ModelCIF file with pLDDT and N, C-alpha, C, O atoms, coordinates in Angstrom:
data_MODEL
#
_entry.id   MODEL 
#
_entity.id                         1 
_entity.type                       polymer 
_entity.pdbx_number_of_molecules   1 
#
_entity_poly.entity_id                      1 
_entity_poly.type                           'polypeptide(L)' 
_entity_poly.nstd_linkage                   no 
_entity_poly.nstd_monomer                   no 
_entity_poly.pdbx_seq_one_letter_code       LLLDSICDVFVDVPKDDCQVFVNSHYEDLLKALNEKWPTETACEAF 
_entity_poly.pdbx_seq_one_letter_code_can   LLLDSICDVFVDVPKDDCQVFVNSHYEDLLKALNEKWPTETACEAF 
_entity_poly.pdbx_strand_id                 A 
#
loop_
_entity_poly_seq.entity_id 
_entity_poly_seq.num 
_entity_poly_seq.mon_id 
_entity_poly_seq.hetero 
1 1  LEU n 
1 2  LEU n 
1 3  LEU n 
1 4  ASP n 
1 5  SER n 
1 6  ILE n 
1 7  CYS n 
1 8  ASP n 
1 9  VAL n 
1 10 PHE n 
1 11 VAL n 
1 12 ASP n 
1 13 VAL n 
1 14 PRO n 
1 15 LYS n 
1 16 ASP n 
1 17 ASP n 
1 18 CYS n 
1 19 GLN n 
1 20 VAL n 
1 21 PHE n 
1 22 VAL n 
1 23 ASN n 
1 24 SER n 
1 25 HIS n 
1 26 TYR n 
1 27 GLU n 
1 28 ASP n 
1 29 LEU n 
1 30 LEU n 
1 31 LYS n 
1 32 ALA n 
1 33 LEU n 
1 34 ASN n 
1 35 GLU n 
1 36 LYS n 
1 37 TRP n 
1 38 PRO n 
1 39 THR n 
1 40 GLU n 
1 41 THR n 
1 42 ALA n 
1 43 CYS n 
1 44 GLU n 
1 45 ALA n 
1 46 PHE n 
#
_struct_asym.id          A 
_struct_asym.entity_id   1 
#
loop_
_ma_qa_metric.id 
_ma_qa_metric.mode 
_ma_qa_metric.name 
_ma_qa_metric.software_group_id 
_ma_qa_metric.type 
1 global pLDDT . pLDDT 
2 local  pLDDT . pLDDT 
#
_ma_qa_metric_global.metric_id      1 
_ma_qa_metric_global.metric_value   86.09 
_ma_qa_metric_global.model_id       1 
_ma_qa_metric_global.ordinal_id     1 
#
loop_
_ma_qa_metric_local.label_asym_id 
_ma_qa_metric_local.label_comp_id 
_ma_qa_metric_local.label_seq_id 
_ma_qa_metric_local.metric_id 
_ma_qa_metric_local.metric_value 
_ma_qa_metric_local.model_id 
_ma_qa_metric_local.ordinal_id 
A LEU 1  2 90.00 1 1  
A LEU 2  2 89.00 1 2  
A LEU 3  2 90.00 1 3  
A ASP 4  2 88.00 1 4  
A SER 5  2 87.00 1 5  
A ILE 6  2 87.00 1 6  
A CYS 7  2 85.00 1 7  
A ASP 8  2 82.00 1 8  
A VAL 9  2 82.00 1 9  
A PHE 10 2 76.00 1 10 
A VAL 11 2 68.00 1 11 
A ASP 12 2 69.00 1 12 
A VAL 13 2 67.00 1 13 
A PRO 14 2 67.00 1 14 
A LYS 15 2 64.00 1 15 
A ASP 16 2 74.00 1 16 
A ASP 17 2 77.00 1 17 
A CYS 18 2 84.00 1 18 
A GLN 19 2 86.00 1 19 
A VAL 20 2 87.00 1 20 
A PHE 21 2 88.00 1 21 
A VAL 22 2 90.00 1 22 
A ASN 23 2 90.00 1 23 
A SER 24 2 89.00 1 24 
A HIS 25 2 90.00 1 25 
A TYR 26 2 91.00 1 26 
A GLU 27 2 91.00 1 27 
A ASP 28 2 91.00 1 28 
A LEU 29 2 92.00 1 29 
A LEU 30 2 91.00 1 30 
A LYS 31 2 91.00 1 31 
A ALA 32 2 92.00 1 32 
A LEU 33 2 91.00 1 33 
A ASN 34 2 88.00 1 34 
A GLU 35 2 88.00 1 35 
A LYS 36 2 88.00 1 36 
A TRP 37 2 92.00 1 37 
A PRO 38 2 92.00 1 38 
A THR 39 2 92.00 1 39 
A GLU 40 2 93.00 1 40 
A THR 41 2 93.00 1 41 
A ALA 42 2 92.00 1 42 
A CYS 43 2 93.00 1 43 
A GLU 44 2 92.00 1 44 
A ALA 45 2 91.00 1 45 
A PHE 46 2 90.00 1 46 
#
loop_
_atom_site.group_PDB 
_atom_site.id 
_atom_site.type_symbol 
_atom_site.label_atom_id 
_atom_site.label_alt_id 
_atom_site.label_comp_id 
_atom_site.label_asym_id 
_atom_site.label_entity_id 
_atom_site.label_seq_id 
_atom_site.pdbx_PDB_ins_code 
_atom_site.Cartn_x 
_atom_site.Cartn_y 
_atom_site.Cartn_z 
_atom_site.occupancy 
_atom_site.B_iso_or_equiv 
_atom_site.pdbx_formal_charge 
_atom_site.auth_seq_id 
_atom_site.auth_comp_id 
_atom_site.auth_asym_id 
_atom_site.auth_atom_id 
_atom_site.pdbx_PDB_model_num 
ATOM 1   N N  . LEU A 1 1  ? -24.687 85.143 -10.056 1.00 90.00 ? 1  LEU A N  1 
ATOM 2   C CA . LEU A 1 1  ? -26.067 85.572 -10.271 1.00 90.00 ? 1  LEU A CA 1 
ATOM 3   C C  . LEU A 1 1  ? -26.603 84.985 -11.571 1.00 90.00 ? 1  LEU A C  1 
ATOM 4   O O  . LEU A 1 1  ? -27.754 84.553 -11.628 1.00 90.00 ? 1  LEU A O  1 
ATOM 5   N N  . LEU A 1 2  ? -25.790 84.966 -12.598 1.00 89.00 ? 2  LEU A N  1 
ATOM 6   C CA . LEU A 1 2  ? -26.224 84.403 -13.873 1.00 89.00 ? 2  LEU A CA 1 
ATOM 7   C C  . LEU A 1 2  ? -26.541 82.917 -13.731 1.00 89.00 ? 2  LEU A C  1 
ATOM 8   O O  . LEU A 1 2  ? -27.577 82.458 -14.211 1.00 89.00 ? 2  LEU A O  1 
ATOM 9   N N  . LEU A 1 3  ? -25.672 82.170 -13.084 1.00 90.00 ? 3  LEU A N  1 
ATOM 10  C CA . LEU A 1 3  ? -25.892 80.726 -12.939 1.00 90.00 ? 3  LEU A CA 1 
ATOM 11  C C  . LEU A 1 3  ? -27.119 80.439 -12.085 1.00 90.00 ? 3  LEU A C  1 
ATOM 12  O O  . LEU A 1 3  ? -27.787 79.423 -12.275 1.00 90.00 ? 3  LEU A O  1 
ATOM 13  N N  . ASP A 1 4  ? -27.414 81.329 -11.149 1.00 88.00 ? 4  ASP A N  1 
ATOM 14  C CA . ASP A 1 4  ? -28.607 81.138 -10.311 1.00 88.00 ? 4  ASP A CA 1 
ATOM 15  C C  . ASP A 1 4  ? -29.895 81.436 -11.075 1.00 88.00 ? 4  ASP A C  1 
ATOM 16  O O  . ASP A 1 4  ? -30.978 81.032 -10.650 1.00 88.00 ? 4  ASP A O  1 
ATOM 17  N N  . SER A 1 5  ? -29.782 82.145 -12.206 1.00 87.00 ? 5  SER A N  1 
ATOM 18  C CA . SER A 1 5  ? -30.976 82.600 -12.918 1.00 87.00 ? 5  SER A CA 1 
ATOM 19  C C  . SER A 1 5  ? -31.154 81.984 -14.297 1.00 87.00 ? 5  SER A C  1 
ATOM 20  O O  . SER A 1 5  ? -32.266 81.968 -14.824 1.00 87.00 ? 5  SER A O  1 
ATOM 21  N N  . ILE A 1 6  ? -30.098 81.486 -14.879 1.00 87.00 ? 6  ILE A N  1 
ATOM 22  C CA . ILE A 1 6  ? -30.104 81.193 -16.303 1.00 87.00 ? 6  ILE A CA 1 
ATOM 23  C C  . ILE A 1 6  ? -31.073 80.097 -16.706 1.00 87.00 ? 6  ILE A C  1 
ATOM 24  O O  . ILE A 1 6  ? -31.557 80.107 -17.838 1.00 87.00 ? 6  ILE A O  1 
ATOM 25  N N  . CYS A 1 7  ? -31.377 79.155 -15.829 1.00 85.00 ? 7  CYS A N  1 
ATOM 26  C CA . CYS A 1 7  ? -32.298 78.063 -16.207 1.00 85.00 ? 7  CYS A CA 1 
ATOM 27  C C  . CYS A 1 7  ? -33.698 78.585 -16.515 1.00 85.00 ? 7  CYS A C  1 
ATOM 28  O O  . CYS A 1 7  ? -34.489 77.894 -17.156 1.00 85.00 ? 7  CYS A O  1 
ATOM 29  N N  . ASP A 1 8  ? -34.009 79.808 -16.060 1.00 82.00 ? 8  ASP A N  1 
ATOM 30  C CA . ASP A 1 8  ? -35.331 80.377 -16.341 1.00 82.00 ? 8  ASP A CA 1 
ATOM 31  C C  . ASP A 1 8  ? -35.523 80.683 -17.823 1.00 82.00 ? 8  ASP A C  1 
ATOM 32  O O  . ASP A 1 8  ? -36.661 80.789 -18.282 1.00 82.00 ? 8  ASP A O  1 
ATOM 33  N N  . VAL A 1 9  ? -34.439 80.827 -18.579 1.00 82.00 ? 9  VAL A N  1 
ATOM 34  C CA . VAL A 1 9  ? -34.587 81.184 -19.986 1.00 82.00 ? 9  VAL A CA 1 
ATOM 35  C C  . VAL A 1 9  ? -34.867 79.956 -20.855 1.00 82.00 ? 9  VAL A C  1 
ATOM 36  O O  . VAL A 1 9  ? -35.301 80.093 -21.998 1.00 82.00 ? 9  VAL A O  1 
ATOM 37  N N  . PHE A 1 10 ? -34.624 78.769 -20.325 1.00 76.00 ? 10 PHE A N  1 
ATOM 38  C CA . PHE A 1 10 ? -34.858 77.548 -21.105 1.00 76.00 ? 10 PHE A CA 1 
ATOM 39  C C  . PHE A 1 10 ? -36.294 77.091 -20.889 1.00 76.00 ? 10 PHE A C  1 
ATOM 40  O O  . PHE A 1 10 ? -36.545 76.089 -20.219 1.00 76.00 ? 10 PHE A O  1 
ATOM 41  N N  . VAL A 1 11 ? -37.231 77.838 -21.463 1.00 68.00 ? 11 VAL A N  1 
ATOM 42  C CA . VAL A 1 11 ? -38.649 77.601 -21.174 1.00 68.00 ? 11 VAL A CA 1 
ATOM 43  C C  . VAL A 1 11 ? -39.148 76.261 -21.715 1.00 68.00 ? 11 VAL A C  1 
ATOM 44  O O  . VAL A 1 11 ? -40.099 75.696 -21.175 1.00 68.00 ? 11 VAL A O  1 
ATOM 45  N N  . ASP A 1 12 ? -38.530 75.756 -22.757 1.00 69.00 ? 12 ASP A N  1 
ATOM 46  C CA . ASP A 1 12 ? -38.978 74.494 -23.337 1.00 69.00 ? 12 ASP A CA 1 
ATOM 47  C C  . ASP A 1 12 ? -38.086 73.321 -22.954 1.00 69.00 ? 12 ASP A C  1 
ATOM 48  O O  . ASP A 1 12 ? -38.148 72.253 -23.564 1.00 69.00 ? 12 ASP A O  1 
ATOM 49  N N  . VAL A 1 13 ? -37.257 73.531 -21.935 1.00 67.00 ? 13 VAL A N  1 
ATOM 50  C CA . VAL A 1 13 ? -36.398 72.461 -21.417 1.00 67.00 ? 13 VAL A CA 1 
ATOM 51  C C  . VAL A 1 13 ? -36.826 72.182 -19.987 1.00 67.00 ? 13 VAL A C  1 
ATOM 52  O O  . VAL A 1 13 ? -37.007 73.122 -19.213 1.00 67.00 ? 13 VAL A O  1 
ATOM 53  N N  . PRO A 1 14 ? -36.992 70.937 -19.615 1.00 67.00 ? 14 PRO A N  1 
ATOM 54  C CA . PRO A 1 14 ? -37.319 70.646 -18.207 1.00 67.00 ? 14 PRO A CA 1 
ATOM 55  C C  . PRO A 1 14 ? -36.330 71.347 -17.283 1.00 67.00 ? 14 PRO A C  1 
ATOM 56  O O  . PRO A 1 14 ? -35.119 71.139 -17.369 1.00 67.00 ? 14 PRO A O  1 
ATOM 57  N N  . LYS A 1 15 ? -36.873 72.185 -16.395 1.00 64.00 ? 15 LYS A N  1 
ATOM 58  C CA . LYS A 1 15 ? -35.975 72.979 -15.555 1.00 64.00 ? 15 LYS A CA 1 
ATOM 59  C C  . LYS A 1 15 ? -35.075 72.088 -14.705 1.00 64.00 ? 15 LYS A C  1 
ATOM 60  O O  . LYS A 1 15 ? -33.942 72.460 -14.399 1.00 64.00 ? 15 LYS A O  1 
ATOM 61  N N  . ASP A 1 16 ? -35.575 70.919 -14.326 1.00 74.00 ? 16 ASP A N  1 
ATOM 62  C CA . ASP A 1 16 ? -34.752 70.030 -13.516 1.00 74.00 ? 16 ASP A CA 1 
ATOM 63  C C  . ASP A 1 16 ? -33.499 69.611 -14.273 1.00 74.00 ? 16 ASP A C  1 
ATOM 64  O O  . ASP A 1 16 ? -32.421 69.507 -13.689 1.00 74.00 ? 16 ASP A O  1 
ATOM 65  N N  . ASP A 1 17 ? -33.643 69.369 -15.579 1.00 77.00 ? 17 ASP A N  1 
ATOM 66  C CA . ASP A 1 17 ? -32.483 68.966 -16.369 1.00 77.00 ? 17 ASP A CA 1 
ATOM 67  C C  . ASP A 1 17 ? -31.426 70.066 -16.377 1.00 77.00 ? 17 ASP A C  1 
ATOM 68  O O  . ASP A 1 17 ? -30.235 69.811 -16.198 1.00 77.00 ? 17 ASP A O  1 
ATOM 69  N N  . CYS A 1 18 ? -31.894 71.296 -16.588 1.00 84.00 ? 18 CYS A N  1 
ATOM 70  C CA . CYS A 1 18 ? -30.971 72.436 -16.593 1.00 84.00 ? 18 CYS A CA 1 
ATOM 71  C C  . CYS A 1 18 ? -30.339 72.633 -15.225 1.00 84.00 ? 18 CYS A C  1 
ATOM 72  O O  . CYS A 1 18 ? -29.132 72.844 -15.115 1.00 84.00 ? 18 CYS A O  1 
ATOM 73  N N  . GLN A 1 19 ? -31.161 72.565 -14.181 1.00 86.00 ? 19 GLN A N  1 
ATOM 74  C CA . GLN A 1 19 ? -30.648 72.812 -12.837 1.00 86.00 ? 19 GLN A CA 1 
ATOM 75  C C  . GLN A 1 19 ? -29.687 71.722 -12.397 1.00 86.00 ? 19 GLN A C  1 
ATOM 76  O O  . GLN A 1 19 ? -28.712 71.999 -11.699 1.00 86.00 ? 19 GLN A O  1 
ATOM 77  N N  . VAL A 1 20 ? -29.956 70.476 -12.801 1.00 87.00 ? 20 VAL A N  1 
ATOM 78  C CA . VAL A 1 20 ? -29.039 69.375 -12.477 1.00 87.00 ? 20 VAL A CA 1 
ATOM 79  C C  . VAL A 1 20 ? -27.685 69.628 -13.134 1.00 87.00 ? 20 VAL A C  1 
ATOM 80  O O  . VAL A 1 20 ? -26.639 69.416 -12.521 1.00 87.00 ? 20 VAL A O  1 
ATOM 81  N N  . PHE A 1 21 ? -27.716 70.084 -14.389 1.00 88.00 ? 21 PHE A N  1 
ATOM 82  C CA . PHE A 1 21 ? -26.464 70.378 -15.091 1.00 88.00 ? 21 PHE A CA 1 
ATOM 83  C C  . PHE A 1 21 ? -25.691 71.482 -14.367 1.00 88.00 ? 21 PHE A C  1 
ATOM 84  O O  . PHE A 1 21 ? -24.484 71.359 -14.157 1.00 88.00 ? 21 PHE A O  1 
ATOM 85  N N  . VAL A 1 22 ? -26.383 72.562 -13.984 1.00 90.00 ? 22 VAL A N  1 
ATOM 86  C CA . VAL A 1 22 ? -25.712 73.676 -13.295 1.00 90.00 ? 22 VAL A CA 1 
ATOM 87  C C  . VAL A 1 22 ? -25.153 73.220 -11.955 1.00 90.00 ? 22 VAL A C  1 
ATOM 88  O O  . VAL A 1 22 ? -24.005 73.510 -11.620 1.00 90.00 ? 22 VAL A O  1 
ATOM 89  N N  . ASN A 1 23 ? -25.972 72.505 -11.192 1.00 90.00 ? 23 ASN A N  1 
ATOM 90  C CA . ASN A 1 23 ? -25.518 72.053 -9.874  1.00 90.00 ? 23 ASN A CA 1 
ATOM 91  C C  . ASN A 1 23 ? -24.331 71.099 -9.979  1.00 90.00 ? 23 ASN A C  1 
ATOM 92  O O  . ASN A 1 23 ? -23.418 71.143 -9.154  1.00 90.00 ? 23 ASN A O  1 
ATOM 93  N N  . SER A 1 24 ? -24.347 70.241 -10.992 1.00 89.00 ? 24 SER A N  1 
ATOM 94  C CA . SER A 1 24 ? -23.285 69.243 -11.137 1.00 89.00 ? 24 SER A CA 1 
ATOM 95  C C  . SER A 1 24 ? -21.951 69.873 -11.519 1.00 89.00 ? 24 SER A C  1 
ATOM 96  O O  . SER A 1 24 ? -20.888 69.350 -11.185 1.00 89.00 ? 24 SER A O  1 
ATOM 97  N N  . HIS A 1 25 ? -22.018 71.007 -12.224 1.00 90.00 ? 25 HIS A N  1 
ATOM 98  C CA . HIS A 1 25 ? -20.784 71.608 -12.748 1.00 90.00 ? 25 HIS A CA 1 
ATOM 99  C C  . HIS A 1 25 ? -20.585 73.039 -12.260 1.00 90.00 ? 25 HIS A C  1 
ATOM 100 O O  . HIS A 1 25 ? -19.877 73.823 -12.891 1.00 90.00 ? 25 HIS A O  1 
ATOM 101 N N  . TYR A 1 26 ? -21.209 73.374 -11.136 1.00 91.00 ? 26 TYR A N  1 
ATOM 102 C CA . TYR A 1 26 ? -21.258 74.775 -10.700 1.00 91.00 ? 26 TYR A CA 1 
ATOM 103 C C  . TYR A 1 26 ? -19.865 75.404 -10.577 1.00 91.00 ? 26 TYR A C  1 
ATOM 104 O O  . TYR A 1 26 ? -19.606 76.445 -11.180 1.00 91.00 ? 26 TYR A O  1 
ATOM 105 N N  . GLU A 1 27 ? -18.981 74.790 -9.815  1.00 91.00 ? 27 GLU A N  1 
ATOM 106 C CA . GLU A 1 27 ? -17.652 75.368 -9.607  1.00 91.00 ? 27 GLU A CA 1 
ATOM 107 C C  . GLU A 1 27 ? -16.864 75.439 -10.910 1.00 91.00 ? 27 GLU A C  1 
ATOM 108 O O  . GLU A 1 27 ? -16.158 76.413 -11.174 1.00 91.00 ? 27 GLU A O  1 
ATOM 109 N N  . ASP A 1 28 ? -16.999 74.386 -11.722 1.00 91.00 ? 28 ASP A N  1 
ATOM 110 C CA . ASP A 1 28 ? -16.305 74.395 -13.015 1.00 91.00 ? 28 ASP A CA 1 
ATOM 111 C C  . ASP A 1 28 ? -16.863 75.492 -13.931 1.00 91.00 ? 28 ASP A C  1 
ATOM 112 O O  . ASP A 1 28 ? -16.112 76.146 -14.654 1.00 91.00 ? 28 ASP A O  1 
ATOM 113 N N  . LEU A 1 29 ? -18.185 75.686 -13.895 1.00 92.00 ? 29 LEU A N  1 
ATOM 114 C CA . LEU A 1 29 ? -18.795 76.748 -14.695 1.00 92.00 ? 29 LEU A CA 1 
ATOM 115 C C  . LEU A 1 29 ? -18.295 78.126 -14.259 1.00 92.00 ? 29 LEU A C  1 
ATOM 116 O O  . LEU A 1 29 ? -17.981 78.976 -15.092 1.00 92.00 ? 29 LEU A O  1 
ATOM 117 N N  . LEU A 1 30 ? -18.226 78.333 -12.948 1.00 91.00 ? 30 LEU A N  1 
ATOM 118 C CA . LEU A 1 30 ? -17.708 79.600 -12.435 1.00 91.00 ? 30 LEU A CA 1 
ATOM 119 C C  . LEU A 1 30 ? -16.300 79.869 -12.964 1.00 91.00 ? 30 LEU A C  1 
ATOM 120 O O  . LEU A 1 30 ? -15.997 80.964 -13.438 1.00 91.00 ? 30 LEU A O  1 
ATOM 121 N N  . LYS A 1 31 ? -15.459 78.859 -12.873 1.00 91.00 ? 31 LYS A N  1 
ATOM 122 C CA . LYS A 1 31 ? -14.065 79.013 -13.299 1.00 91.00 ? 31 LYS A CA 1 
ATOM 123 C C  . LYS A 1 31 ? -13.975 79.248 -14.812 1.00 91.00 ? 31 LYS A C  1 
ATOM 124 O O  . LYS A 1 31 ? -13.257 80.136 -15.270 1.00 91.00 ? 31 LYS A O  1 
ATOM 125 N N  . ALA A 1 32 ? -14.712 78.440 -15.576 1.00 92.00 ? 32 ALA A N  1 
ATOM 126 C CA . ALA A 1 32 ? -14.636 78.525 -17.035 1.00 92.00 ? 32 ALA A CA 1 
ATOM 127 C C  . ALA A 1 32 ? -15.153 79.872 -17.544 1.00 92.00 ? 32 ALA A C  1 
ATOM 128 O O  . ALA A 1 32 ? -14.532 80.496 -18.404 1.00 92.00 ? 32 ALA A O  1 
ATOM 129 N N  . LEU A 1 33 ? -16.296 80.315 -17.003 1.00 91.00 ? 33 LEU A N  1 
ATOM 130 C CA . LEU A 1 33 ? -16.857 81.593 -17.452 1.00 91.00 ? 33 LEU A CA 1 
ATOM 131 C C  . LEU A 1 33 ? -15.976 82.766 -17.007 1.00 91.00 ? 33 LEU A C  1 
ATOM 132 O O  . LEU A 1 33 ? -15.776 83.720 -17.759 1.00 91.00 ? 33 LEU A O  1 
ATOM 133 N N  . ASN A 1 34 ? -15.460 82.688 -15.794 1.00 88.00 ? 34 ASN A N  1 
ATOM 134 C CA . ASN A 1 34 ? -14.615 83.759 -15.286 1.00 88.00 ? 34 ASN A CA 1 
ATOM 135 C C  . ASN A 1 34 ? -13.329 83.886 -16.094 1.00 88.00 ? 34 ASN A C  1 
ATOM 136 O O  . ASN A 1 34 ? -12.831 84.990 -16.313 1.00 88.00 ? 34 ASN A O  1 
ATOM 137 N N  . GLU A 1 35 ? -12.797 82.751 -16.534 1.00 88.00 ? 35 GLU A N  1 
ATOM 138 C CA . GLU A 1 35 ? -11.541 82.753 -17.288 1.00 88.00 ? 35 GLU A CA 1 
ATOM 139 C C  . GLU A 1 35 ? -11.768 82.738 -18.800 1.00 88.00 ? 35 GLU A C  1 
ATOM 140 O O  . GLU A 1 35 ? -10.816 82.680 -19.578 1.00 88.00 ? 35 GLU A O  1 
ATOM 141 N N  . LYS A 1 36 ? -13.040 82.791 -19.205 1.00 88.00 ? 36 LYS A N  1 
ATOM 142 C CA . LYS A 1 36 ? -13.409 82.896 -20.619 1.00 88.00 ? 36 LYS A CA 1 
ATOM 143 C C  . LYS A 1 36 ? -12.871 81.730 -21.448 1.00 88.00 ? 36 LYS A C  1 
ATOM 144 O O  . LYS A 1 36 ? -12.260 81.927 -22.499 1.00 88.00 ? 36 LYS A O  1 
ATOM 145 N N  . TRP A 1 37 ? -13.108 80.519 -20.959 1.00 92.00 ? 37 TRP A N  1 
ATOM 146 C CA . TRP A 1 37 ? -12.680 79.350 -21.722 1.00 92.00 ? 37 TRP A CA 1 
ATOM 147 C C  . TRP A 1 37 ? -13.526 79.226 -22.989 1.00 92.00 ? 37 TRP A C  1 
ATOM 148 O O  . TRP A 1 37 ? -14.698 79.600 -22.981 1.00 92.00 ? 37 TRP A O  1 
ATOM 149 N N  . PRO A 1 38 ? -12.952 78.707 -24.074 1.00 92.00 ? 38 PRO A N  1 
ATOM 150 C CA . PRO A 1 38 ? -13.763 78.391 -25.254 1.00 92.00 ? 38 PRO A CA 1 
ATOM 151 C C  . PRO A 1 38 ? -14.786 77.300 -24.931 1.00 92.00 ? 38 PRO A C  1 
ATOM 152 O O  . PRO A 1 38 ? -14.599 76.523 -23.994 1.00 92.00 ? 38 PRO A O  1 
ATOM 153 N N  . THR A 1 39 ? -15.857 77.247 -25.707 1.00 92.00 ? 39 THR A N  1 
ATOM 154 C CA . THR A 1 39 ? -16.942 76.300 -25.443 1.00 92.00 ? 39 THR A CA 1 
ATOM 155 C C  . THR A 1 39 ? -16.458 74.859 -25.398 1.00 92.00 ? 39 THR A C  1 
ATOM 156 O O  . THR A 1 39 ? -16.773 74.135 -24.454 1.00 92.00 ? 39 THR A O  1 
ATOM 157 N N  . GLU A 1 40 ? -15.703 74.431 -26.395 1.00 93.00 ? 40 GLU A N  1 
ATOM 158 C CA . GLU A 1 40 ? -15.269 73.027 -26.447 1.00 93.00 ? 40 GLU A CA 1 
ATOM 159 C C  . GLU A 1 40 ? -14.366 72.700 -25.272 1.00 93.00 ? 40 GLU A C  1 
ATOM 160 O O  . GLU A 1 40 ? -14.486 71.631 -24.674 1.00 93.00 ? 40 GLU A O  1 
ATOM 161 N N  . THR A 1 41 ? -13.459 73.616 -24.936 1.00 93.00 ? 41 THR A N  1 
ATOM 162 C CA . THR A 1 41 ? -12.556 73.395 -23.795 1.00 93.00 ? 41 THR A CA 1 
ATOM 163 C C  . THR A 1 41 ? -13.358 73.224 -22.513 1.00 93.00 ? 41 THR A C  1 
ATOM 164 O O  . THR A 1 41 ? -13.082 72.328 -21.715 1.00 93.00 ? 41 THR A O  1 
ATOM 165 N N  . ALA A 1 42 ? -14.365 74.095 -22.316 1.00 92.00 ? 42 ALA A N  1 
ATOM 166 C CA . ALA A 1 42 ? -15.164 74.043 -21.091 1.00 92.00 ? 42 ALA A CA 1 
ATOM 167 C C  . ALA A 1 42 ? -15.938 72.738 -20.993 1.00 92.00 ? 42 ALA A C  1 
ATOM 168 O O  . ALA A 1 42 ? -15.894 72.059 -19.967 1.00 92.00 ? 42 ALA A O  1 
ATOM 169 N N  . CYS A 1 43 ? -16.647 72.388 -22.061 1.00 93.00 ? 43 CYS A N  1 
ATOM 170 C CA . CYS A 1 43 ? -17.489 71.199 -22.000 1.00 93.00 ? 43 CYS A CA 1 
ATOM 171 C C  . CYS A 1 43 ? -16.673 69.922 -21.859 1.00 93.00 ? 43 CYS A C  1 
ATOM 172 O O  . CYS A 1 43 ? -17.131 68.963 -21.237 1.00 93.00 ? 43 CYS A O  1 
ATOM 173 N N  . GLU A 1 44 ? -15.485 69.898 -22.422 1.00 92.00 ? 44 GLU A N  1 
ATOM 174 C CA . GLU A 1 44 ? -14.607 68.740 -22.234 1.00 92.00 ? 44 GLU A CA 1 
ATOM 175 C C  . GLU A 1 44 ? -14.104 68.701 -20.788 1.00 92.00 ? 44 GLU A C  1 
ATOM 176 O O  . GLU A 1 44 ? -14.022 67.626 -20.193 1.00 92.00 ? 44 GLU A O  1 
ATOM 177 N N  . ALA A 1 45 ? -13.768 69.857 -20.222 1.00 91.00 ? 45 ALA A N  1 
ATOM 178 C CA . ALA A 1 45 ? -13.298 69.904 -18.837 1.00 91.00 ? 45 ALA A CA 1 
ATOM 179 C C  . ALA A 1 45 ? -14.389 69.475 -17.863 1.00 91.00 ? 45 ALA A C  1 
ATOM 180 O O  . ALA A 1 45 ? -14.094 68.874 -16.830 1.00 91.00 ? 45 ALA A O  1 
ATOM 181 N N  . PHE A 1 46 ? -15.656 69.780 -18.186 1.00 90.00 ? 46 PHE A N  1 
ATOM 182 C CA . PHE A 1 46 ? -16.760 69.383 -17.316 1.00 90.00 ? 46 PHE A CA 1 
ATOM 183 C C  . PHE A 1 46 ? -17.011 67.877 -17.387 1.00 90.00 ? 46 PHE A C  1 
ATOM 184 O O  . PHE A 1 46 ? -17.908 67.368 -16.715 1.00 90.00 ? 46 PHE A O  1 
#
């Protein structure tokens, strides 16, 4: 639910850019957030 909604908070960022990022890394984001990976670990894994 968060990943489906979160791009709405980036009001000054082109929504397409945010949505492309989410769509490109969706499964990895689910796994990283669920397992509470550190930021650097997650972004390197993506």
